[in-house]
Structure formats: structure tokens, C-alpha cells
Protein backbone atom coordinates (compact mmCIF):
# COMPACT_ATOMS: atom_id res chain seq x y z
CA UNK A 1 -67.46 -150.54 152.30
CA UNK A 2 -66.70 -152.75 155.30
CA UNK A 3 -64.18 -155.49 154.65
CA UNK A 4 -65.49 -159.05 154.75
CA UNK A 5 -65.56 -161.10 157.94
CA UNK A 6 -62.44 -162.86 156.68
CA UNK A 7 -60.71 -159.50 157.05
CA UNK A 8 -62.32 -158.74 160.43
CA UNK A 9 -60.97 -161.44 162.74
CA UNK A 10 -62.01 -161.45 166.38
CA UNK A 11 -59.12 -160.15 168.43
CA UNK A 12 -57.80 -163.10 170.51
CA UNK A 13 -58.35 -162.68 174.22
CA UNK A 14 -56.33 -165.66 175.45
CA UNK A 15 -59.43 -167.28 176.97
CA UNK A 16 -63.17 -166.90 176.62
CA UNK A 17 -64.24 -164.63 173.76
CA UNK A 18 -64.84 -161.13 175.07
CA UNK A 19 -65.29 -157.77 173.38
CA UNK A 20 -61.84 -156.20 172.99
CA UNK A 21 -61.18 -152.77 174.44
CA UNK A 22 -61.30 -149.50 172.52
CA UNK A 23 -57.54 -149.26 172.03
CA UNK A 24 -57.31 -152.89 170.92
CA UNK A 25 -60.02 -152.35 168.30
CA UNK A 26 -58.12 -149.33 167.00
CA UNK A 27 -54.91 -151.35 166.78
CA UNK A 28 -56.12 -154.66 165.33
CA UNK A 29 -59.75 -154.85 164.23
CA UNK A 30 -60.41 -155.27 160.51
CA UNK A 31 -56.84 -156.24 159.63
CA UNK A 32 -55.59 -159.53 158.18
CA UNK A 33 -51.81 -159.60 158.45
CA UNK A 34 -51.59 -163.08 156.97
CA UNK A 35 -53.09 -161.75 153.76
CA UNK A 36 -50.77 -158.73 153.85
CA UNK A 37 -47.45 -160.62 153.91
CA UNK A 38 -47.17 -160.07 157.67
CA UNK A 39 -47.08 -156.28 157.36
CA UNK A 40 -47.76 -154.61 160.71
CA UNK A 41 -49.39 -151.70 158.86
CA UNK A 42 -52.09 -152.52 156.29
CA UNK A 43 -50.99 -152.06 152.68
CA UNK A 44 -52.10 -149.09 150.60
CA UNK A 45 -54.02 -150.55 147.68
CA UNK A 46 -53.47 -147.56 145.42
CA UNK A 47 -55.52 -148.54 142.40
CA UNK A 48 -58.60 -147.34 140.59
CA UNK A 49 -59.61 -150.70 139.07
CA UNK A 50 -59.59 -154.34 140.20
CA UNK A 51 -59.22 -157.18 137.70
CA UNK A 52 -60.35 -160.81 137.96
CA UNK A 53 -58.93 -164.06 136.55
CA UNK A 54 -62.17 -165.04 134.84
CA UNK A 55 -65.63 -163.81 133.92
CA UNK A 56 -67.04 -166.27 136.48
CA UNK A 57 -64.90 -164.81 139.29
CA UNK A 58 -65.97 -161.30 138.31
CA UNK A 59 -69.63 -162.32 138.39
CA UNK A 60 -69.19 -163.82 141.89
CA UNK A 61 -67.59 -160.72 143.47
CA UNK A 62 -69.44 -159.75 146.60
CA UNK A 63 -70.99 -163.21 147.03
CA UNK A 64 -70.34 -165.72 149.81
CA UNK A 65 -69.12 -163.06 152.24
CA UNK A 66 -66.39 -161.84 149.87
CA UNK A 67 -65.60 -158.17 149.32
CA UNK A 68 -67.04 -156.28 146.39
CA UNK A 69 -63.92 -154.77 144.90
CA UNK A 70 -64.14 -153.57 141.31
CA UNK A 71 -63.65 -149.79 141.36
CA UNK A 72 -62.24 -147.62 144.16
CA UNK A 73 -65.08 -145.11 143.93
CA UNK A 74 -67.28 -147.97 145.20
CA UNK A 75 -64.85 -149.67 147.59
CA UNK A 76 -61.20 -150.40 148.28
CA UNK A 77 -59.43 -152.82 150.67
CA UNK A 78 -57.49 -150.07 152.46
CA UNK A 79 -60.63 -147.99 152.90
CA UNK A 80 -62.41 -151.18 154.00
CA UNK A 81 -60.04 -151.58 156.95
CA UNK A 82 -60.81 -148.03 158.09
CA UNK A 83 -64.56 -148.52 157.69
CA UNK A 84 -64.49 -151.80 159.61
CA UNK A 85 -62.70 -150.19 162.54
CA UNK A 86 -65.01 -147.16 162.70
CA UNK A 87 -68.18 -149.23 162.38
CA UNK A 88 -67.03 -151.29 165.36
CA UNK A 89 -65.86 -148.29 167.40
CA UNK A 90 -69.21 -146.54 166.87
CA UNK A 91 -71.09 -149.78 167.59
CA UNK A 92 -72.65 -149.76 164.15
CA UNK A 93 -73.21 -152.42 161.49
CA UNK A 94 -71.62 -150.53 158.60
CA UNK A 95 -69.55 -147.47 157.78
CA UNK A 96 -68.73 -145.49 154.65
CA UNK A 97 -65.74 -143.19 154.19
CA UNK A 98 -65.81 -139.93 152.21
CA UNK A 99 -63.31 -137.44 150.86
CA UNK A 100 -64.37 -134.78 153.40
CA UNK A 101 -66.65 -134.21 156.34
CA UNK A 102 -68.99 -132.20 154.12
CA UNK A 103 -68.99 -135.09 151.65
CA UNK A 104 -70.36 -137.29 154.42
CA UNK A 105 -72.84 -134.66 155.65
CA UNK A 106 -74.26 -133.92 152.20
CA UNK A 107 -74.50 -137.64 151.33
CA UNK A 108 -76.38 -138.42 154.55
CA UNK A 109 -78.84 -135.58 154.04
CA UNK A 110 -79.46 -136.34 150.39
CA UNK A 111 -79.90 -140.05 151.11
CA UNK A 112 -82.58 -139.35 153.73
CA UNK A 113 -84.50 -136.41 152.26
CA UNK A 114 -86.78 -135.71 149.30
CA UNK A 115 -88.73 -132.77 147.96
CA UNK A 116 -91.32 -131.60 150.47
CA UNK A 117 -89.50 -132.98 153.51
CA UNK A 118 -88.68 -130.84 156.54
CA UNK A 119 -85.54 -130.83 158.71
CA UNK A 120 -85.12 -129.59 162.27
CA UNK A 121 -81.52 -128.66 163.03
CA UNK A 122 -79.78 -127.29 166.08
CA UNK A 123 -78.96 -123.65 165.28
CA UNK A 124 -75.38 -123.70 166.56
CA UNK A 125 -74.27 -126.47 164.21
CA UNK A 126 -71.18 -126.55 162.02
CA UNK A 127 -71.60 -123.49 159.79
CA UNK A 128 -71.23 -125.27 156.40
CA UNK A 129 -73.94 -127.74 157.49
CA UNK A 130 -76.27 -124.80 158.11
CA UNK A 131 -75.37 -123.26 154.76
CA UNK A 132 -76.03 -126.56 152.99
CA UNK A 133 -79.46 -126.91 154.59
CA UNK A 134 -80.40 -123.27 154.17
CA UNK A 135 -79.00 -122.60 150.70
CA UNK A 136 -78.60 -125.87 148.77
CA UNK A 137 -81.39 -128.19 149.95
CA UNK A 138 -83.85 -125.29 150.06
CA UNK A 139 -83.50 -125.00 146.28
CA UNK A 140 -84.76 -128.58 145.97
CA UNK A 141 -87.85 -128.10 148.10
CA UNK A 142 -86.54 -129.21 151.51
CA UNK A 143 -87.61 -126.99 154.41
CA UNK A 144 -85.55 -126.39 157.54
CA UNK A 145 -86.18 -124.98 161.02
CA UNK A 146 -83.25 -124.08 163.25
CA UNK A 147 -83.73 -124.57 166.99
CA UNK A 148 -81.84 -122.03 169.11
CA UNK A 149 -81.75 -123.89 172.43
CA UNK A 150 -80.92 -127.45 173.39
CA UNK A 151 -84.19 -128.40 175.16
CA UNK A 152 -86.36 -131.25 173.89
CA UNK A 153 -89.42 -129.00 174.15
CA UNK A 154 -87.95 -126.62 171.58
CA UNK A 155 -87.37 -129.49 169.17
CA UNK A 156 -90.91 -130.76 169.77
CA UNK A 157 -92.36 -127.34 169.00
CA UNK A 158 -90.43 -127.19 165.71
CA UNK A 159 -91.75 -130.52 164.37
CA UNK A 160 -94.19 -130.57 161.46
CA UNK A 161 -96.20 -133.38 159.85
CA UNK A 162 -93.63 -133.40 157.02
CA UNK A 163 -90.58 -133.47 159.33
CA UNK A 164 -88.37 -136.31 158.14
CA UNK A 165 -85.08 -135.68 159.93
CA UNK A 166 -83.56 -134.00 162.99
CA UNK A 167 -79.90 -133.03 162.72
CA UNK A 168 -77.91 -132.85 165.95
CA UNK A 169 -74.60 -131.93 167.43
CA UNK A 170 -73.99 -132.35 171.15
CA UNK A 171 -72.00 -130.46 172.27
CA UNK A 172 -73.03 -127.93 169.64
CA UNK A 173 -70.54 -125.85 167.66
CA UNK A 174 -69.58 -122.47 169.04
CA UNK A 175 -71.40 -122.51 172.37
CA UNK A 176 -71.08 -126.26 173.18
CA UNK A 177 -74.60 -126.83 174.47
CA UNK A 178 -75.63 -130.36 175.47
CA UNK A 179 -78.80 -131.92 174.03
CA UNK A 180 -80.66 -134.67 175.91
CA UNK A 181 -80.23 -137.13 173.05
CA UNK A 182 -82.02 -140.20 174.52
CA UNK A 183 -85.06 -138.10 175.43
CA UNK A 184 -85.15 -136.54 171.97
CA UNK A 185 -84.74 -139.80 170.05
CA UNK A 186 -87.46 -141.37 172.21
CA UNK A 187 -89.75 -138.57 171.00
CA UNK A 188 -88.73 -138.88 167.34
CA UNK A 189 -88.49 -142.64 166.74
CA UNK A 190 -92.23 -143.43 167.17
CA UNK A 191 -92.99 -140.71 164.63
CA UNK A 192 -90.63 -142.22 162.07
CA UNK A 193 -88.30 -139.20 162.18
CA UNK A 194 -84.64 -139.98 161.57
CA UNK A 195 -81.88 -138.58 163.78
CA UNK A 196 -78.50 -137.73 162.24
CA UNK A 197 -75.72 -136.86 164.68
CA UNK A 198 -72.37 -135.16 164.04
CA UNK A 199 -70.03 -136.78 166.58
CA UNK A 200 -66.81 -135.07 165.46
CA UNK A 201 -66.29 -133.26 168.80
CA UNK A 202 -66.41 -136.29 171.08
CA UNK A 203 -65.11 -138.92 168.63
CA UNK A 204 -66.12 -142.55 169.24
CA UNK A 205 -63.68 -142.49 172.16
CA UNK A 206 -66.01 -140.34 174.29
CA UNK A 207 -69.52 -140.85 172.85
CA UNK A 208 -71.56 -143.35 170.80
CA UNK A 209 -74.74 -141.67 169.48
CA UNK A 210 -76.15 -144.90 168.00
CA UNK A 211 -76.43 -146.21 171.56
CA UNK A 212 -78.38 -143.04 172.42
CA UNK A 213 -80.99 -143.81 169.76
CA UNK A 214 -79.63 -141.99 166.70
CA UNK A 215 -79.92 -143.47 163.21
CA UNK A 216 -76.77 -142.16 161.54
CA UNK A 217 -73.49 -140.88 163.00
CA UNK A 218 -71.22 -138.52 161.08
CA UNK A 219 -67.61 -137.52 161.57
CA UNK A 220 -65.31 -135.00 160.08
CA UNK A 221 -62.47 -137.51 160.22
CA UNK A 222 -60.15 -134.60 159.46
CA UNK A 223 -60.42 -133.76 163.14
CA UNK A 224 -59.66 -136.18 166.00
CA UNK A 225 -59.81 -139.41 163.99
CA UNK A 226 -56.99 -138.25 161.72
CA UNK A 227 -55.40 -136.17 164.42
CA UNK A 228 -52.34 -134.96 162.52
CA UNK A 229 -53.72 -132.14 160.32
CA UNK A 230 -52.59 -133.94 157.17
CA UNK A 231 -55.77 -135.49 155.74
CA UNK A 232 -59.33 -134.36 154.92
CA UNK A 233 -62.05 -137.03 155.25
CA UNK A 234 -65.55 -137.87 156.47
CA UNK A 235 -67.36 -140.92 157.87
CA UNK A 236 -70.96 -142.11 158.11
CA UNK A 237 -71.86 -145.00 160.45
CA UNK A 238 -75.22 -146.70 160.91
CA UNK A 239 -77.03 -149.92 161.77
CA UNK A 240 -80.09 -149.96 159.52
CA UNK A 241 -79.46 -151.80 156.23
CA UNK A 242 -82.05 -149.80 154.29
CA UNK A 243 -80.27 -146.60 155.26
CA UNK A 244 -76.98 -148.22 154.27
CA UNK A 245 -78.26 -148.89 150.76
CA UNK A 246 -79.54 -145.32 150.46
CA UNK A 247 -76.30 -143.78 151.71
CA UNK A 248 -74.15 -146.13 149.62
CA UNK A 249 -76.07 -145.25 146.47
CA UNK A 250 -75.65 -141.56 147.17
CA UNK A 251 -71.93 -142.07 147.82
CA UNK A 252 -71.46 -143.91 144.53
CA UNK A 253 -73.31 -141.30 142.49
CA UNK A 254 -71.91 -138.18 144.15
CA UNK A 255 -68.39 -139.58 143.90
CA UNK A 256 -66.86 -138.10 147.07
CA UNK A 257 -64.83 -141.27 147.65
CA UNK A 258 -61.86 -141.39 150.00
CA UNK A 259 -58.45 -141.95 148.47
CA UNK A 260 -56.72 -145.16 149.70
CA UNK A 261 -53.69 -143.23 150.94
CA UNK A 262 -55.93 -140.93 152.96
CA UNK A 263 -57.67 -144.01 154.40
CA UNK A 264 -54.27 -145.40 155.38
CA UNK A 265 -53.43 -142.13 157.17
CA UNK A 266 -56.70 -142.36 159.10
CA UNK A 267 -55.97 -145.95 160.13
CA UNK A 268 -52.64 -144.68 161.43
CA UNK A 269 -54.41 -141.90 163.31
CA UNK A 270 -56.86 -144.31 164.94
CA UNK A 271 -54.01 -146.23 166.60
CA UNK A 272 -53.30 -143.27 168.91
CA UNK A 273 -56.84 -141.84 169.17
CA UNK A 274 -57.43 -142.83 172.82
CA UNK A 275 -54.03 -141.51 173.92
CA UNK A 276 -54.53 -138.25 172.07
CA UNK A 277 -58.04 -137.69 173.38
CA UNK A 278 -56.77 -138.11 176.94
CA UNK A 279 -54.23 -135.33 176.38
CA UNK A 280 -56.71 -133.06 174.56
CA UNK A 281 -59.11 -133.50 177.49
CA UNK A 282 -56.50 -132.74 180.16
CA UNK A 283 -55.27 -129.57 178.46
CA UNK A 284 -58.75 -128.39 177.52
CA UNK A 285 -60.02 -128.66 181.07
CA UNK A 286 -56.92 -127.01 182.54
CA UNK A 287 -57.18 -124.03 180.20
CA UNK A 288 -60.97 -123.77 180.64
CA UNK A 289 -60.64 -123.71 184.43
CA UNK A 290 -58.02 -120.98 184.22
CA UNK A 291 -60.29 -118.89 182.02
CA UNK A 292 -63.39 -119.52 184.15
CA UNK A 293 -61.67 -117.98 187.15
CA UNK A 294 -59.98 -115.07 185.39
CA UNK A 295 -61.21 -111.50 185.98
CA UNK A 296 -60.80 -110.55 182.29
CA UNK A 297 -63.13 -113.37 181.12
CA UNK A 298 -66.91 -112.97 180.97
CA UNK A 299 -68.01 -116.54 180.17
CA UNK A 300 -66.62 -119.97 179.22
CA UNK A 301 -68.50 -122.58 177.18
CA UNK A 302 -67.09 -125.99 178.15
CA UNK A 303 -69.41 -128.85 179.21
CA UNK A 304 -66.64 -130.36 181.32
CA UNK A 305 -66.76 -127.46 183.76
CA UNK A 306 -68.91 -128.11 186.82
CA UNK A 307 -70.38 -124.62 186.41
CA UNK A 308 -71.61 -125.30 182.86
CA UNK A 309 -75.39 -125.57 182.48
CA UNK A 310 -75.07 -128.83 180.55
CA UNK A 311 -72.46 -130.46 182.77
CA UNK A 312 -74.72 -132.96 184.56
CA UNK A 313 -76.30 -134.14 181.31
CA UNK A 314 -72.90 -134.25 179.61
CA UNK A 315 -71.59 -136.57 182.31
CA UNK A 316 -74.46 -138.97 181.57
CA UNK A 317 -73.92 -139.03 177.80
CA UNK A 318 -70.17 -138.55 177.43
CA UNK A 319 -67.25 -140.61 178.69
CA UNK A 320 -64.88 -137.65 178.43
CA UNK A 321 -64.38 -134.14 177.08
CA UNK A 322 -62.49 -132.99 174.02
CA UNK A 323 -60.08 -130.06 173.83
CA UNK A 324 -62.31 -127.69 171.84
CA UNK A 325 -64.34 -124.96 173.59
CA UNK A 326 -65.03 -121.23 173.53
CA UNK A 327 -64.98 -118.22 175.83
CA UNK A 328 -65.67 -114.49 175.74
CA UNK A 329 -63.49 -111.73 177.12
CA UNK A 330 -65.11 -109.18 179.40
CA UNK A 331 -63.89 -106.46 177.02
CA UNK A 332 -65.91 -107.19 173.88
CA UNK A 333 -64.10 -104.78 171.59
CA UNK A 334 -62.37 -106.10 168.45
CA UNK A 335 -59.17 -104.53 169.75
CA UNK A 336 -59.21 -106.66 172.90
CA UNK A 337 -60.07 -109.87 171.04
CA UNK A 338 -57.48 -109.35 168.34
CA UNK A 339 -54.91 -108.27 170.90
CA UNK A 340 -55.37 -111.49 172.87
CA UNK A 341 -55.12 -113.64 169.72
CA UNK A 342 -52.04 -111.80 168.48
CA UNK A 343 -50.21 -112.27 171.79
CA UNK A 344 -50.61 -116.07 171.75
CA UNK A 345 -47.38 -117.98 171.08
CA UNK A 346 -48.31 -121.69 171.09
CA UNK A 347 -51.89 -121.28 169.86
CA UNK A 348 -51.81 -120.51 166.14
CA UNK A 349 -54.62 -118.58 164.44
CA UNK A 350 -56.42 -120.88 162.03
CA UNK A 351 -59.56 -122.84 161.21
CA UNK A 352 -60.24 -126.52 161.85
CA UNK A 353 -59.24 -128.38 165.01
CA UNK A 354 -58.52 -131.89 166.28
CA UNK A 355 -54.88 -131.98 165.20
CA UNK A 356 -51.68 -132.03 167.19
CA UNK A 357 -51.36 -128.23 167.09
CA UNK A 358 -53.27 -125.80 169.30
CA UNK A 359 -55.45 -123.27 167.48
CA UNK A 360 -57.43 -120.13 168.27
CA UNK A 361 -59.97 -118.24 166.19
CA UNK A 362 -62.47 -115.42 166.62
CA UNK A 363 -66.19 -116.28 166.31
CA UNK A 364 -68.05 -112.93 166.38
CA UNK A 365 -71.39 -114.20 164.98
CA UNK A 366 -71.84 -117.61 166.66
CA UNK A 367 -75.53 -118.64 167.03
CA UNK A 368 -76.54 -118.92 170.68
CA UNK A 369 -73.71 -116.67 171.86
CA UNK A 370 -76.08 -113.93 173.13
CA UNK A 371 -74.32 -111.49 170.84
CA UNK A 372 -70.94 -112.00 172.48
CA UNK A 373 -67.72 -112.07 170.48
CA UNK A 374 -66.41 -115.57 171.19
CA UNK A 375 -62.89 -116.94 170.96
CA UNK A 376 -62.69 -120.65 170.14
CA UNK A 377 -59.70 -122.59 171.42
CA UNK A 378 -58.48 -126.02 170.38
CA UNK A 379 -55.98 -127.43 172.87
CA UNK A 380 -53.56 -129.66 171.00
CA UNK A 381 -50.90 -132.07 172.18
CA UNK A 382 -48.37 -129.64 173.60
CA UNK A 383 -47.49 -129.86 177.30
CA UNK A 384 -50.53 -128.79 179.33
CA UNK A 385 -48.61 -126.38 181.58
CA UNK A 386 -47.13 -124.65 178.51
CA UNK A 387 -50.61 -124.06 177.06
CA UNK A 388 -51.86 -122.68 180.39
CA UNK A 389 -48.85 -120.36 180.57
CA UNK A 390 -49.48 -119.16 177.01
CA UNK A 391 -53.08 -118.22 177.85
CA UNK A 392 -51.96 -116.47 181.03
CA UNK A 393 -49.38 -114.31 179.26
CA UNK A 394 -51.80 -113.42 176.47
CA UNK A 395 -54.40 -112.28 179.02
CA UNK A 396 -51.81 -110.11 180.76
């Protein structure tokens, strides 16, 4: 739940009112230090229940632009600060926080879909999203078609009269293809088809899907928003108030609410998001360029490379590039792949990404990989030259 306007003061500009910059929003928006005893960091309101001085005050909660605080599963002041910041950063009207990225994904899908509806989803999406569509929602009468390529024509061909929603990632997971989002949403909107977009890879620092015509934006806030590998969380952002009511109802009933302490950790992470994304981008591009020119490497999937098929489109839709990408060794044997991974010193072997630490993992069955055994790299916050040197020695 977004905090009230009393808790979302306009950041002073010293002159005429102007929209504050990204970093300033991360640092100040949604906070009321006067109401927090002057604390530079917002307080952690670690409570399950809120009490009121009178029955009349309880009955008026949520009226006259006041927050609706009564139970933390429904809303909490600390979580409200986080939601206010992310709604503004994603250029939305509202945001809701969840206990995990999958909590946000499942809530968005359930809020938008009913029995008999049909979903079109990019094939190389986050694997648990695919499993949820293919295994869980299918049991409740929701059909799904997975589109292998990123072209708008392939999405158009997959539409049915009962298609209710298109689920997107751009870049996609695994092979990092770029979808022409404005062209696709221009096709879908007149037909009343909703577009849900997972923006975890770019973060609001590098891309705003609502401005590209999407209806809902999702984040695994575990990744770049948190940034420190110490919290699991999800976010949904939107503009439409009807969708807000639907998503909010699903959030309340499913119960995947974010703990106030976790919300506080995410607020802390947001304060350095722009700085961290700059470093992730620099290291990711440096390592990708090394790999693209190496004789032991067959292909590199990184939309920031000029040689990438989606590079021109990516430059139109993105303001920058994250540190997550994939590549394939020329030697496709498990021995070669495992040998490379085992020789890495700074890149640890592990799932997830977006934290301070660099990670590497094998992806032998990635959709859209043309059967290649891919290695996914997340370039963390270590010194760029050290990460490049680690890749070089592992390839040797």
C-alpha cells in the first residue's frame, strides 16, 4: 500500500517545482522525517496489528487521504515507504510489495485471469513463471502458448479470441532477446489484452515498461532492488485503479505479504541502486566483450554488444544494460563447461543474481538456446579488471 500524500512530500528543488532525479527519488521520496523523530532512515514498524484511540478513529482509517493501517498483511508504514518509492520510480500510480518475486508473479496472474482465459508468454521467461503457467494455472482452466522468438508477428500468430494476457520479459531469461514492446502493446491494447512485464533485469533504473504501454510491471526485488543478497521480495506496479483493486484483493487473500524488516532492507538497497547498476553495467559489458572476441567462445547473448541482434532495439527501449548475460563455449561437452566453472575464483557457482557477488551457473536446457549448453554470468560489484582477469584465467 502506498503511503499517503502526507508521507510523500515533493522533494524541494530550491526553486520552481521540477521532477527530482532518479537518485533523489531513491534517497528521499515517500519519507517523512518529521514524523519519524528526525531519523535519517525510516523506522521499522515491526507490528502485526495497529490500534486506534477510539471506535470513531478506527472507522475513519483510510479516509481523507490517511493511510489504511490495521493489519500488516494488508499494509504497513515501512512497506508503504518502499511502495511509494517504487511506484514513482516505475512511473506508476500504485505499487504492492510481496514476500517473493513469485508471490508477485502469481498474484498478478491470478488477479488478471479466470477459467477459460488464454495467456501468451515468451518462451525464454523465468523458469518458475513458466512452470506456474504450465502446471498450476492449467489445472484451473487457463490455457497458455509459449512464443519462441521475440518478433511481434509471432505474438500476433499466437493470439486467440480468448487471449486475456501477454506475459513479457525483455531482455528474456537465458538468451536475453529483446522484444519490441511499444509495437506489441500497440497491437494488444485495442483488443483489450493486458500486458504484464517482468522488469527485474533492467530495474527501474534502466527501463520503465509502463511508459512502453504495459499494464503491470513486476520485479523480483531480491535482485537489483535489494542488491545485497540478504532479502527475498517481489513488487507489482501499475497505473489502472481497477487492476490495483484486483491485485490488492489477491494479495490480501493469498497472504504473501512483505515483512517490515525486509521492506526496510529494500529501502536501504534503493539508495544505492543507480550507483550499483552503473558498476554492474560496466563489468558486464567488459566481460561480454572479452568473451565475444575469444576463440574458445561460440556465442554471447548480451543486448549491450553491438553485434547482438537486438542491440539497436535495446538502445531505443533501455537506458542501460545490467550485468547478467549468457554465453556458450565452443566445446559443448559437460567436461569443458564444468571445467570452466570450477576454475573460476571470483565468480561463485549459485542461483539468483543482482547481488554484490558475481555468480556463474550452467543452463543446459535454456529455451531459445538452439540446443547449446549456456553459461550464465552475473557480474557483481567487484573491480571490473579483476572479473575480466578471472574469466581469462578460467578460459585458459
